Amino acid sequence: FRKAESRNRLRDFLAKDYSSGKKPVVGVRLNRIFSTEFEKDIFLLRQIRKTVVWQSIFLPKISDYGEIKKCISILTENGIAFEEVIPIIETRAGFSNLHHLFSRKPSLEIKRVAWGSHDFNLDSGIWPFEDVISPNHWERVKELVGVLNNKGYEYVNSPMLELNNKEFGCAMLDHLDRICHKDFSQVALSYQQVLNFTS
């Protein structure tokens, strides 16, 4: 029910924004490829394809390069325009397959790769979650960043759940800067968090 509601809200948001003459910069996270919810996502994106060009389409739970290519193929076949797809590494299988997944150089369609630490914890049966205060979390980040930097991909950091803790968020970004040694991106969960990260 929540996923159907989210699709309806996205449709309504875009209809409202475009009717005002604006053309927002929009990204969207799809459901896992080959799932029923993924098919419903594609159906929606196909319905609204003439009104939006997606800046970023996030592809969750990627564990094999073929899944990325299949997603791109499905999007293209359905006339869904986008600037980039961002695979999310958030399963044990995907993390174990990093070197094979990103053995190729970045392309126009695949330039950035996201880390989904919370779903990784779920998939791995880790409880309590190993988040940004856990050394194990940062060891995984370093391993992922090392693989991505080696081939020229940009790292996208998983969301920080403490929405209003500006000091902690800025300290985390400083720590990431020391790990990445190059450009990286941070997923934000609210407009206030964007302001915290950029002010």
N, C-alpha and C. Protein backbone atom coordinates (compact mmCIF):
# COMPACT_ATOMS: atom_id res chain seq x y z
N PHE A 1 0.83 -1.21 0.00
CA PHE A 1 0.00 0.00 0.00
C PHE A 1 0.86 1.26 0.00
N ARG A 2 1.92 1.26 0.81
CA ARG A 2 2.77 2.45 0.90
C ARG A 2 3.47 2.74 -0.42
N LYS A 3 3.86 1.70 -1.15
CA LYS A 3 4.55 1.91 -2.42
C LYS A 3 3.59 2.47 -3.46
N ALA A 4 2.34 1.98 -3.46
CA ALA A 4 1.34 2.51 -4.38
C ALA A 4 1.06 3.97 -4.05
N GLU A 5 0.98 4.29 -2.76
CA GLU A 5 0.74 5.67 -2.34
C GLU A 5 1.90 6.58 -2.77
N SER A 6 3.11 6.07 -2.66
CA SER A 6 4.28 6.86 -3.07
C SER A 6 4.25 7.14 -4.57
N ARG A 7 3.83 6.17 -5.37
CA ARG A 7 3.73 6.40 -6.81
C ARG A 7 2.68 7.47 -7.11
N ASN A 8 1.56 7.42 -6.41
CA ASN A 8 0.51 8.42 -6.62
C ASN A 8 0.99 9.81 -6.22
N ARG A 9 1.72 9.90 -5.13
CA ARG A 9 2.23 11.20 -4.68
C ARG A 9 3.24 11.77 -5.68
N LEU A 10 4.07 10.89 -6.24
CA LEU A 10 5.04 11.34 -7.24
C LEU A 10 4.32 11.87 -8.47
N ARG A 11 3.31 11.15 -8.93
CA ARG A 11 2.53 11.58 -10.10
C ARG A 11 1.89 12.95 -9.84
N ASP A 12 1.30 13.10 -8.66
CA ASP A 12 0.64 14.37 -8.32
C ASP A 12 1.64 15.51 -8.21
N PHE A 13 2.78 15.24 -7.62
CA PHE A 13 3.81 16.28 -7.46
C PHE A 13 4.29 16.78 -8.82
N LEU A 14 4.54 15.85 -9.73
CA LEU A 14 5.05 16.25 -11.04
C LEU A 14 3.98 16.98 -11.84
N ALA A 15 2.73 16.53 -11.75
CA ALA A 15 1.65 17.21 -12.46
C ALA A 15 1.51 18.65 -11.98
N LYS A 16 1.61 18.86 -10.67
CA LYS A 16 1.49 20.20 -10.10
C LYS A 16 2.65 21.07 -10.50
N ASP A 17 3.86 20.53 -10.42
CA ASP A 17 5.05 21.32 -10.69
C ASP A 17 5.14 21.71 -12.16
N TYR A 18 4.79 20.78 -13.03
CA TYR A 18 4.90 21.06 -14.46
C TYR A 18 3.79 21.98 -14.94
N SER A 19 2.61 21.93 -14.31
CA SER A 19 1.52 22.82 -14.71
C SER A 19 1.85 24.27 -14.38
N SER A 20 2.78 24.47 -13.44
CA SER A 20 3.18 25.83 -13.07
C SER A 20 4.27 26.38 -13.99
N GLY A 21 4.68 25.57 -14.95
CA GLY A 21 5.70 26.00 -15.90
C GLY A 21 7.11 25.70 -15.45
N LYS A 22 7.27 25.12 -14.26
CA LYS A 22 8.59 24.77 -13.75
C LYS A 22 9.02 23.41 -14.30
N LYS A 23 10.31 23.21 -14.34
CA LYS A 23 10.84 21.90 -14.72
C LYS A 23 11.83 21.47 -13.65
N PRO A 24 11.37 20.78 -12.64
CA PRO A 24 12.24 20.45 -11.51
C PRO A 24 13.30 19.43 -11.87
N VAL A 25 14.38 19.47 -11.14
CA VAL A 25 15.41 18.44 -11.24
C VAL A 25 14.98 17.30 -10.32
N VAL A 26 14.73 16.14 -10.89
CA VAL A 26 14.10 15.07 -10.13
C VAL A 26 14.89 13.78 -10.26
N GLY A 27 15.00 13.09 -9.13
CA GLY A 27 15.54 11.74 -9.12
C GLY A 27 14.51 10.80 -8.51
N VAL A 28 14.62 9.52 -8.81
CA VAL A 28 13.66 8.56 -8.28
C VAL A 28 14.38 7.25 -7.98
N ARG A 29 13.91 6.59 -6.94
CA ARG A 29 14.43 5.26 -6.59
C ARG A 29 13.39 4.23 -7.00
N LEU A 30 13.78 3.31 -7.86
CA LEU A 30 12.88 2.24 -8.28
C LEU A 30 12.92 1.09 -7.28
N ASN A 31 11.98 0.17 -7.41
CA ASN A 31 12.04 -1.07 -6.65
C ASN A 31 12.96 -2.06 -7.36
N ARG A 32 13.25 -3.13 -6.68
CA ARG A 32 14.21 -4.11 -7.19
C ARG A 32 13.76 -4.69 -8.53
N ILE A 33 14.69 -4.78 -9.46
CA ILE A 33 14.39 -5.31 -10.78
C ILE A 33 13.81 -6.73 -10.67
N PHE A 34 12.93 -7.05 -11.59
CA PHE A 34 12.23 -8.34 -11.70
C PHE A 34 11.14 -8.52 -10.65
N SER A 35 10.91 -7.51 -9.80
CA SER A 35 9.82 -7.61 -8.82
C SER A 35 8.54 -7.02 -9.43
N THR A 36 7.40 -7.37 -8.85
CA THR A 36 6.12 -6.82 -9.30
C THR A 36 6.09 -5.31 -9.11
N GLU A 37 6.68 -4.83 -8.01
CA GLU A 37 6.70 -3.39 -7.74
C GLU A 37 7.55 -2.65 -8.77
N PHE A 38 8.61 -3.28 -9.25
CA PHE A 38 9.43 -2.68 -10.30
C PHE A 38 8.60 -2.50 -11.57
N GLU A 39 7.83 -3.50 -11.92
CA GLU A 39 6.97 -3.41 -13.11
C GLU A 39 5.97 -2.27 -12.97
N LYS A 40 5.44 -2.08 -11.76
CA LYS A 40 4.50 -0.98 -11.52
C LYS A 40 5.22 0.37 -11.62
N ASP A 41 6.46 0.43 -11.14
CA ASP A 41 7.26 1.66 -11.26
C ASP A 41 7.46 2.03 -12.73
N ILE A 42 7.84 1.05 -13.53
CA ILE A 42 8.07 1.28 -14.95
C ILE A 42 6.78 1.74 -15.63
N PHE A 43 5.66 1.14 -15.25
CA PHE A 43 4.37 1.54 -15.83
C PHE A 43 4.09 3.02 -15.55
N LEU A 44 4.36 3.46 -14.31
CA LEU A 44 4.15 4.87 -13.96
C LEU A 44 5.10 5.77 -14.75
N LEU A 45 6.38 5.42 -14.76
CA LEU A 45 7.36 6.26 -15.45
C LEU A 45 7.05 6.34 -16.95
N ARG A 46 6.52 5.28 -17.49
CA ARG A 46 6.12 5.29 -18.91
C ARG A 46 4.93 6.23 -19.13
N GLN A 47 3.99 6.24 -18.20
CA GLN A 47 2.82 7.11 -18.30
C GLN A 47 3.21 8.59 -18.33
N ILE A 48 4.23 8.95 -17.55
CA ILE A 48 4.58 10.37 -17.41
C ILE A 48 5.85 10.73 -18.18
N ARG A 49 6.26 9.85 -19.09
CA ARG A 49 7.56 10.02 -19.75
C ARG A 49 7.66 11.30 -20.58
N LYS A 50 6.53 11.84 -21.02
CA LYS A 50 6.58 13.03 -21.86
C LYS A 50 6.71 14.31 -21.05
N THR A 51 6.60 14.20 -19.75
CA THR A 51 6.65 15.41 -18.92
C THR A 51 7.91 15.53 -18.08
N VAL A 52 8.76 14.51 -18.08
CA VAL A 52 9.92 14.57 -17.19
C VAL A 52 11.11 13.83 -17.79
N VAL A 53 12.28 14.43 -17.61
CA VAL A 53 13.54 13.74 -17.86
C VAL A 53 14.19 13.57 -16.50
N TRP A 54 14.39 12.35 -16.09
CA TRP A 54 14.93 12.08 -14.76
C TRP A 54 16.42 12.39 -14.73
N GLN A 55 16.84 13.13 -13.72
CA GLN A 55 18.28 13.36 -13.58
C GLN A 55 18.96 12.07 -13.13
N SER A 56 18.42 11.44 -12.09
CA SER A 56 19.03 10.23 -11.55
C SER A 56 17.94 9.19 -11.27
N ILE A 57 18.20 7.96 -11.67
CA ILE A 57 17.32 6.86 -11.33
C ILE A 57 18.14 5.87 -10.50
N PHE A 58 17.76 5.72 -9.24
CA PHE A 58 18.47 4.83 -8.34
C PHE A 58 17.96 3.40 -8.52
N LEU A 59 18.90 2.48 -8.63
CA LEU A 59 18.59 1.06 -8.83
C LEU A 59 19.01 0.28 -7.58
N PRO A 60 18.05 -0.19 -6.78
CA PRO A 60 18.38 -0.80 -5.49
C PRO A 60 18.82 -2.26 -5.60
N LYS A 61 19.57 -2.68 -4.57
CA LYS A 61 19.92 -4.09 -4.36
C LYS A 61 20.58 -4.73 -5.58
N ILE A 62 21.46 -3.96 -6.22
CA ILE A 62 22.19 -4.48 -7.39
C ILE A 62 23.29 -5.42 -6.91
N SER A 63 23.35 -6.59 -7.54
CA SER A 63 24.40 -7.55 -7.18
C SER A 63 25.17 -8.05 -8.40
N ASP A 64 24.70 -7.68 -9.61
CA ASP A 64 25.32 -8.17 -10.83
C ASP A 64 25.24 -7.09 -11.90
N TYR A 65 26.30 -6.95 -12.70
CA TYR A 65 26.32 -5.90 -13.73
C TYR A 65 25.19 -6.08 -14.73
N GLY A 66 24.83 -7.32 -14.99
CA GLY A 66 23.74 -7.58 -15.92
C GLY A 66 22.43 -6.96 -15.49
N GLU A 67 22.21 -6.84 -14.17
CA GLU A 67 20.99 -6.21 -13.67
C GLU A 67 20.95 -4.73 -14.04
N ILE A 68 22.10 -4.07 -13.98
CA ILE A 68 22.17 -2.66 -14.34
C ILE A 68 21.84 -2.49 -15.83
N LYS A 69 22.46 -3.28 -16.66
CA LYS A 69 22.24 -3.19 -18.10
C LYS A 69 20.80 -3.52 -18.46
N LYS A 70 20.21 -4.49 -17.76
CA LYS A 70 18.81 -4.85 -18.03
C LYS A 70 17.89 -3.69 -17.65
N CYS A 71 18.16 -3.04 -16.52
CA CYS A 71 17.35 -1.88 -16.12
C CYS A 71 17.43 -0.77 -17.16
N ILE A 72 18.65 -0.49 -17.62
CA ILE A 72 18.82 0.55 -18.64
C ILE A 72 18.06 0.19 -19.90
N SER A 73 18.12 -1.07 -20.29
CA SER A 73 17.41 -1.54 -21.47
C SER A 73 15.90 -1.36 -21.32
N ILE A 74 15.36 -1.72 -20.15
CA ILE A 74 13.92 -1.59 -19.90
C ILE A 74 13.50 -0.12 -19.94
N LEU A 75 14.28 0.74 -19.32
CA LEU A 75 13.98 2.17 -19.32
C LEU A 75 13.97 2.72 -20.75
N THR A 76 14.97 2.36 -21.52
CA THR A 76 15.08 2.85 -22.89
C THR A 76 13.94 2.33 -23.76
N GLU A 77 13.63 1.04 -23.63
CA GLU A 77 12.55 0.45 -24.42
C GLU A 77 11.21 1.11 -24.14
N ASN A 78 11.04 1.63 -22.93
CA ASN A 78 9.78 2.26 -22.55
C ASN A 78 9.79 3.78 -22.74
N GLY A 79 10.82 4.29 -23.39
CA GLY A 79 10.88 5.71 -23.70
C GLY A 79 11.07 6.60 -22.49
N ILE A 80 11.67 6.06 -21.43
CA ILE A 80 11.88 6.81 -20.19
C ILE A 80 13.26 7.47 -20.25
N ALA A 81 13.27 8.80 -20.35
CA ALA A 81 14.53 9.53 -20.50
C ALA A 81 15.17 9.77 -19.14
N PHE A 82 16.50 9.67 -19.10
CA PHE A 82 17.24 9.88 -17.85
C PHE A 82 18.66 10.31 -18.19
N GLU A 83 19.28 10.97 -17.22
CA GLU A 83 20.67 11.38 -17.40
C GLU A 83 21.65 10.34 -16.86
N GLU A 84 21.26 9.66 -15.79
CA GLU A 84 22.14 8.65 -15.22
C GLU A 84 21.33 7.66 -14.40
N VAL A 85 21.86 6.45 -14.27
CA VAL A 85 21.35 5.51 -13.28
C VAL A 85 22.42 5.36 -12.20
N ILE A 86 21.96 5.20 -10.96
CA ILE A 86 22.88 5.05 -9.83
C ILE A 86 22.60 3.71 -9.16
N PRO A 87 23.43 2.71 -9.39
CA PRO A 87 23.26 1.44 -8.68
C PRO A 87 23.47 1.62 -7.18
N ILE A 88 22.66 0.94 -6.38
CA ILE A 88 22.84 0.98 -4.93
C ILE A 88 23.37 -0.37 -4.46
N ILE A 89 24.50 -0.34 -3.78
CA ILE A 89 25.06 -1.56 -3.19
C ILE A 89 24.52 -1.66 -1.77
N GLU A 90 23.64 -2.63 -1.53
CA GLU A 90 23.00 -2.73 -0.22
C GLU A 90 22.65 -4.17 0.15
N THR A 91 23.33 -5.13 -0.48
CA THR A 91 23.17 -6.54 -0.12
C THR A 91 24.54 -7.17 0.05
N ARG A 92 24.58 -8.28 0.75
CA ARG A 92 25.85 -9.01 0.91
C ARG A 92 26.36 -9.47 -0.45
N ALA A 93 25.44 -9.93 -1.31
CA ALA A 93 25.84 -10.41 -2.63
C ALA A 93 26.47 -9.29 -3.46
N GLY A 94 25.86 -8.11 -3.41
CA GLY A 94 26.41 -6.99 -4.16
C GLY A 94 27.76 -6.55 -3.63
N PHE A 95 27.90 -6.50 -2.30
CA PHE A 95 29.17 -6.08 -1.71
C PHE A 95 30.27 -7.10 -2.01
N SER A 96 29.94 -8.38 -2.00
CA SER A 96 30.93 -9.42 -2.30
C SER A 96 31.36 -9.40 -3.76
N ASN A 97 30.54 -8.78 -4.61
CA ASN A 97 30.79 -8.79 -6.05
C ASN A 97 31.31 -7.44 -6.56
N LEU A 98 31.80 -6.60 -5.67
CA LEU A 98 32.20 -5.24 -6.04
C LEU A 98 33.20 -5.20 -7.19
N HIS A 99 34.24 -6.03 -7.10
CA HIS A 99 35.31 -5.96 -8.10
C HIS A 99 34.81 -6.34 -9.49
N HIS A 100 33.91 -7.30 -9.56
CA HIS A 100 33.34 -7.67 -10.86
C HIS A 100 32.35 -6.63 -11.34
N LEU A 101 31.51 -6.14 -10.42
CA LEU A 101 30.49 -5.14 -10.78
C LEU A 101 31.11 -3.91 -11.41
N PHE A 102 32.22 -3.46 -10.86
CA PHE A 102 32.81 -2.20 -11.30
C PHE A 102 34.21 -2.41 -11.88
N SER A 103 34.35 -3.48 -12.65
CA SER A 103 35.61 -3.74 -13.34
C SER A 103 35.73 -2.88 -14.59
N ARG A 104 34.60 -2.35 -15.06
CA ARG A 104 34.59 -1.48 -16.24
C ARG A 104 34.73 -0.02 -15.82
N LYS A 105 35.16 0.79 -16.75
CA LYS A 105 35.25 2.23 -16.51
C LYS A 105 33.83 2.82 -16.49
N PRO A 106 33.65 3.98 -15.84
CA PRO A 106 32.34 4.64 -15.85
C PRO A 106 31.90 4.98 -17.27
N SER A 107 30.60 5.08 -17.47
CA SER A 107 30.04 5.47 -18.77
C SER A 107 29.17 6.70 -18.55
N LEU A 108 28.60 7.23 -19.62
CA LEU A 108 27.70 8.37 -19.48
C LEU A 108 26.50 8.03 -18.62
N GLU A 109 26.06 6.77 -18.67
CA GLU A 109 24.86 6.36 -17.93
C GLU A 109 25.17 5.96 -16.49
N ILE A 110 26.36 5.45 -16.26
CA ILE A 110 26.72 4.93 -14.93
C ILE A 110 28.01 5.60 -14.48
N LYS A 111 27.88 6.63 -13.66
CA LYS A 111 29.04 7.40 -13.21
C LYS A 111 29.20 7.37 -11.69
N ARG A 112 28.06 7.15 -11.00
CA ARG A 112 28.06 7.20 -9.55
C ARG A 112 27.45 5.92 -8.99
N VAL A 113 27.89 5.55 -7.79
CA VAL A 113 27.43 4.32 -7.13
C VAL A 113 27.10 4.66 -5.69
N ALA A 114 25.92 4.23 -5.24
CA ALA A 114 25.46 4.55 -3.89
C ALA A 114 25.65 3.37 -2.95
N TRP A 115 25.87 3.71 -1.70
CA TRP A 115 25.99 2.72 -0.62
C TRP A 115 24.72 2.78 0.22
N GLY A 116 24.07 1.62 0.40
CA GLY A 116 22.86 1.54 1.21
C GLY A 116 23.14 0.77 2.48
N SER A 117 23.67 1.44 3.48
CA SER A 117 24.14 0.74 4.67
C SER A 117 23.01 0.12 5.48
N HIS A 118 21.85 0.76 5.50
CA HIS A 118 20.76 0.25 6.34
C HIS A 118 20.19 -1.05 5.78
N ASP A 119 19.96 -1.09 4.47
CA ASP A 119 19.48 -2.34 3.87
C ASP A 119 20.57 -3.41 3.89
N PHE A 120 21.83 -3.00 3.82
CA PHE A 120 22.92 -3.97 3.95
C PHE A 120 22.87 -4.65 5.32
N ASN A 121 22.65 -3.86 6.35
CA ASN A 121 22.51 -4.43 7.69
C ASN A 121 21.35 -5.41 7.76
N LEU A 122 20.21 -5.04 7.18
CA LEU A 122 19.04 -5.93 7.16
C LEU A 122 19.36 -7.22 6.43
N ASP A 123 19.95 -7.10 5.25
CA ASP A 123 20.24 -8.27 4.43
C ASP A 123 21.25 -9.20 5.10
N SER A 124 22.13 -8.60 5.90
CA SER A 124 23.19 -9.37 6.56
C SER A 124 22.78 -9.88 7.94
N GLY A 125 21.60 -9.51 8.40
CA GLY A 125 21.14 -9.93 9.72
C GLY A 125 21.92 -9.28 10.85
N ILE A 126 22.42 -8.07 10.61
CA ILE A 126 23.20 -7.36 11.63
C ILE A 126 22.27 -6.53 12.51
N TRP A 127 22.29 -6.80 13.80
CA TRP A 127 21.49 -6.03 14.75
C TRP A 127 22.21 -5.98 16.10
N PRO A 128 22.33 -4.82 16.72
CA PRO A 128 21.88 -3.52 16.23
C PRO A 128 22.64 -3.11 14.96
N PHE A 129 22.05 -2.22 14.18
CA PHE A 129 22.66 -1.76 12.94
C PHE A 129 24.04 -1.17 13.20
N GLU A 130 24.96 -1.47 12.31
CA GLU A 130 26.28 -0.84 12.34
C GLU A 130 26.21 0.39 11.43
N ASP A 131 26.01 1.56 12.06
CA ASP A 131 25.86 2.77 11.27
C ASP A 131 27.10 3.64 11.40
N VAL A 132 26.93 4.94 11.22
CA VAL A 132 28.09 5.83 11.13
C VAL A 132 28.92 5.94 12.40
N ILE A 133 28.43 5.41 13.51
CA ILE A 133 29.26 5.43 14.72
C ILE A 133 30.01 4.10 14.91
N SER A 134 29.86 3.18 13.96
CA SER A 134 30.50 1.87 14.05
C SER A 134 31.76 1.81 13.18
N PRO A 135 32.88 1.34 13.73
CA PRO A 135 34.09 1.15 12.91
C PRO A 135 33.85 0.20 11.74
N ASN A 136 33.02 -0.83 11.93
CA ASN A 136 32.74 -1.76 10.84
C ASN A 136 32.08 -1.08 9.65
N HIS A 137 31.21 -0.12 9.95
CA HIS A 137 30.56 0.65 8.88
C HIS A 137 31.62 1.35 8.02
N TRP A 138 32.56 1.99 8.67
CA TRP A 138 33.56 2.77 7.93
C TRP A 138 34.55 1.87 7.20
N GLU A 139 34.81 0.67 7.72
CA GLU A 139 35.66 -0.27 6.99
C GLU A 139 35.00 -0.67 5.68
N ARG A 140 33.69 -0.88 5.69
CA ARG A 140 32.97 -1.22 4.44
C ARG A 140 32.99 -0.03 3.48
N VAL A 141 32.79 1.17 4.02
CA VAL A 141 32.83 2.36 3.17
C VAL A 141 34.20 2.49 2.50
N LYS A 142 35.26 2.29 3.27
CA LYS A 142 36.61 2.39 2.71
C LYS A 142 36.84 1.37 1.62
N GLU A 143 36.35 0.15 1.82
CA GLU A 143 36.51 -0.89 0.80
C GLU A 143 35.76 -0.52 -0.47
N LEU A 144 34.53 -0.06 -0.31
CA LEU A 144 33.73 0.32 -1.47
C LEU A 144 34.34 1.51 -2.20
N VAL A 145 34.73 2.53 -1.45
CA VAL A 145 35.33 3.72 -2.06
C VAL A 145 36.63 3.35 -2.79
N GLY A 146 37.40 2.43 -2.21
CA GLY A 146 38.65 2.01 -2.86
C GLY A 146 38.40 1.40 -4.22
N VAL A 147 37.40 0.53 -4.31
CA VAL A 147 37.06 -0.09 -5.60
C VAL A 147 36.58 0.95 -6.60
N LEU A 148 35.70 1.85 -6.14
CA LEU A 148 35.14 2.87 -7.03
C LEU A 148 36.20 3.87 -7.49
N ASN A 149 37.03 4.34 -6.57
CA ASN A 149 38.09 5.28 -6.94
C ASN A 149 39.04 4.69 -7.96
N ASN A 150 39.32 3.41 -7.82
CA ASN A 150 40.25 2.73 -8.71
C ASN A 150 39.80 2.79 -10.17
N LYS A 151 38.48 2.80 -10.38
CA LYS A 151 37.95 2.82 -11.74
C LYS A 151 37.38 4.18 -12.16
N GLY A 152 37.30 5.12 -11.21
CA GLY A 152 36.84 6.46 -11.57
C GLY A 152 35.38 6.74 -11.32
N TYR A 153 34.70 5.89 -10.52
CA TYR A 153 33.31 6.16 -10.16
C TYR A 153 33.24 7.11 -8.97
N GLU A 154 32.14 7.85 -8.87
CA GLU A 154 31.92 8.72 -7.72
C GLU A 154 31.07 7.99 -6.69
N TYR A 155 31.44 8.12 -5.44
CA TYR A 155 30.74 7.48 -4.33
C TYR A 155 29.57 8.34 -3.86
N VAL A 156 28.42 7.70 -3.60
CA VAL A 156 27.25 8.36 -3.04
C VAL A 156 26.98 7.75 -1.67
N ASN A 157 27.06 8.56 -0.63
CA ASN A 157 26.94 8.04 0.73
C ASN A 157 25.48 7.81 1.13
N SER A 158 25.27 6.78 1.93
CA SER A 158 23.91 6.44 2.38
C SER A 158 23.38 7.52 3.32
N PRO A 159 22.05 7.60 3.47
CA PRO A 159 21.45 8.66 4.29
C PRO A 159 21.88 8.58 5.75
N MET A 160 21.93 9.77 6.37
CA MET A 160 22.16 9.86 7.80
C MET A 160 20.81 10.08 8.47
N LEU A 161 20.44 9.20 9.40
CA LEU A 161 19.10 9.23 9.97
C LEU A 161 18.88 10.35 10.98
N GLU A 162 19.96 10.91 11.51
CA GLU A 162 19.82 12.04 12.45
C GLU A 162 19.60 13.32 11.65
N LEU A 163 18.34 13.63 11.38
CA LEU A 163 18.00 14.68 10.42
C LEU A 163 18.43 16.07 10.86
N ASN A 164 18.43 16.35 12.14
CA ASN A 164 18.65 17.72 12.60
C ASN A 164 19.97 17.93 13.32
N ASN A 165 20.85 16.93 13.26
CA ASN A 165 22.13 17.05 13.96
C ASN A 165 23.18 17.59 12.98
N LYS A 166 23.21 18.90 12.87
CA LYS A 166 24.11 19.55 11.91
C LYS A 166 25.58 19.28 12.21
N GLU A 167 25.94 19.40 13.48
CA GLU A 167 27.35 19.21 13.87
C GLU A 167 27.83 17.81 13.53
N PHE A 168 27.01 16.82 13.85
CA PHE A 168 27.39 15.44 13.56
C PHE A 168 27.45 15.20 12.06
N GLY A 169 26.48 15.75 11.33
CA GLY A 169 26.46 15.58 9.87
C GLY A 169 27.68 16.18 9.21
N CYS A 170 28.09 17.36 9.65
CA CYS A 170 29.27 18.00 9.07
C CYS A 170 30.54 17.23 9.41
N ALA A 171 30.61 16.68 10.62
CA ALA A 171 31.76 15.86 11.01
C ALA A 171 31.84 14.60 10.14
N MET A 172 30.68 14.01 9.83
CA MET A 172 30.65 12.84 8.98
C MET A 172 31.14 13.18 7.57
N LEU A 173 30.72 14.32 7.04
CA LEU A 173 31.16 14.73 5.71
C LEU A 173 32.66 14.99 5.68
N ASP A 174 33.19 15.57 6.74
CA ASP A 174 34.64 15.79 6.83
C ASP A 174 35.38 14.46 6.81
N HIS A 175 34.84 13.49 7.54
CA HIS A 175 35.46 12.16 7.58
C HIS A 175 35.41 11.51 6.21
N LEU A 176 34.28 11.64 5.52
CA LEU A 176 34.15 11.09 4.17
C LEU A 176 35.14 11.74 3.20
N ASP A 177 35.33 13.04 3.37
CA ASP A 177 36.25 13.77 2.50
C ASP A 177 37.66 13.20 2.62
N ARG A 178 38.04 12.82 3.83
CA ARG A 178 39.38 12.25 4.04
C ARG A 178 39.48 10.84 3.45
N ILE A 179 38.36 10.13 3.39
CA ILE A 179 38.37 8.77 2.84
C ILE A 179 38.35 8.80 1.31
N CYS A 180 37.53 9.68 0.75
CA CYS A 180 37.28 9.64 -0.70
C CYS A 180 38.40 10.29 -1.51
N HIS A 181 39.02 11.34 -1.01
CA HIS A 181 40.09 12.05 -1.71
C HIS A 181 39.64 12.65 -3.05
N LYS A 182 38.34 12.65 -3.33
CA LYS A 182 37.81 13.24 -4.56
C LYS A 182 36.32 13.50 -4.34
N ASP A 183 35.64 13.99 -5.37
CA ASP A 183 34.23 14.32 -5.23
C ASP A 183 33.41 13.11 -4.77
N PHE A 184 32.43 13.39 -3.92
CA PHE A 184 31.46 12.38 -3.52
C PHE A 184 30.12 13.08 -3.30
N SER A 185 29.05 12.30 -3.18
CA SER A 185 27.72 12.86 -2.96
C SER A 185 27.13 12.30 -1.68
N GLN A 186 26.18 13.04 -1.12
CA GLN A 186 25.51 12.62 0.10
C GLN A 186 23.99 12.64 -0.10
N VAL A 187 23.34 11.52 0.17
CA VAL A 187 21.88 11.48 0.11
C VAL A 187 21.32 12.20 1.33
N ALA A 188 20.36 13.10 1.10
CA ALA A 188 19.69 13.81 2.20
C ALA A 188 18.24 13.36 2.27
N LEU A 189 17.69 13.35 3.46
CA LEU A 189 16.32 12.87 3.67
C LEU A 189 15.32 13.99 3.90
N SER A 190 15.79 15.21 3.95
CA SER A 190 14.87 16.35 4.13
C SER A 190 15.57 17.61 3.62
N TYR A 191 14.75 18.63 3.37
CA TYR A 191 15.32 19.90 2.92
C TYR A 191 16.20 20.51 4.00
N GLN A 192 15.79 20.36 5.27
CA GLN A 192 16.59 20.88 6.37
C GLN A 192 17.96 20.22 6.40
N GLN A 193 18.00 18.92 6.10
CA GLN A 193 19.28 18.21 6.07
C GLN A 193 20.17 18.73 4.94
N VAL A 194 19.57 19.05 3.83
CA VAL A 194 20.32 19.67 2.72
C VAL A 194 20.96 20.97 3.20
N LEU A 195 20.17 21.80 3.88
CA LEU A 195 20.70 23.06 4.39
C LEU A 195 21.82 22.82 5.40
N ASN A 196 21.65 21.81 6.26
CA ASN A 196 22.69 21.50 7.24
C ASN A 196 24.00 21.10 6.55
N PHE A 197 23.88 20.33 5.47
CA PHE A 197 25.07 19.84 4.79
C PHE A 197 25.76 20.92 3.96
N THR A 198 25.01 21.92 3.52
CA THR A 198 25.57 22.90 2.57
C THR A 198 25.84 24.27 3.15
N SER A 199 25.37 24.51 4.37
CA SER A 199 25.56 25.86 4.95
C SER A 199 26.85 25.93 5.76
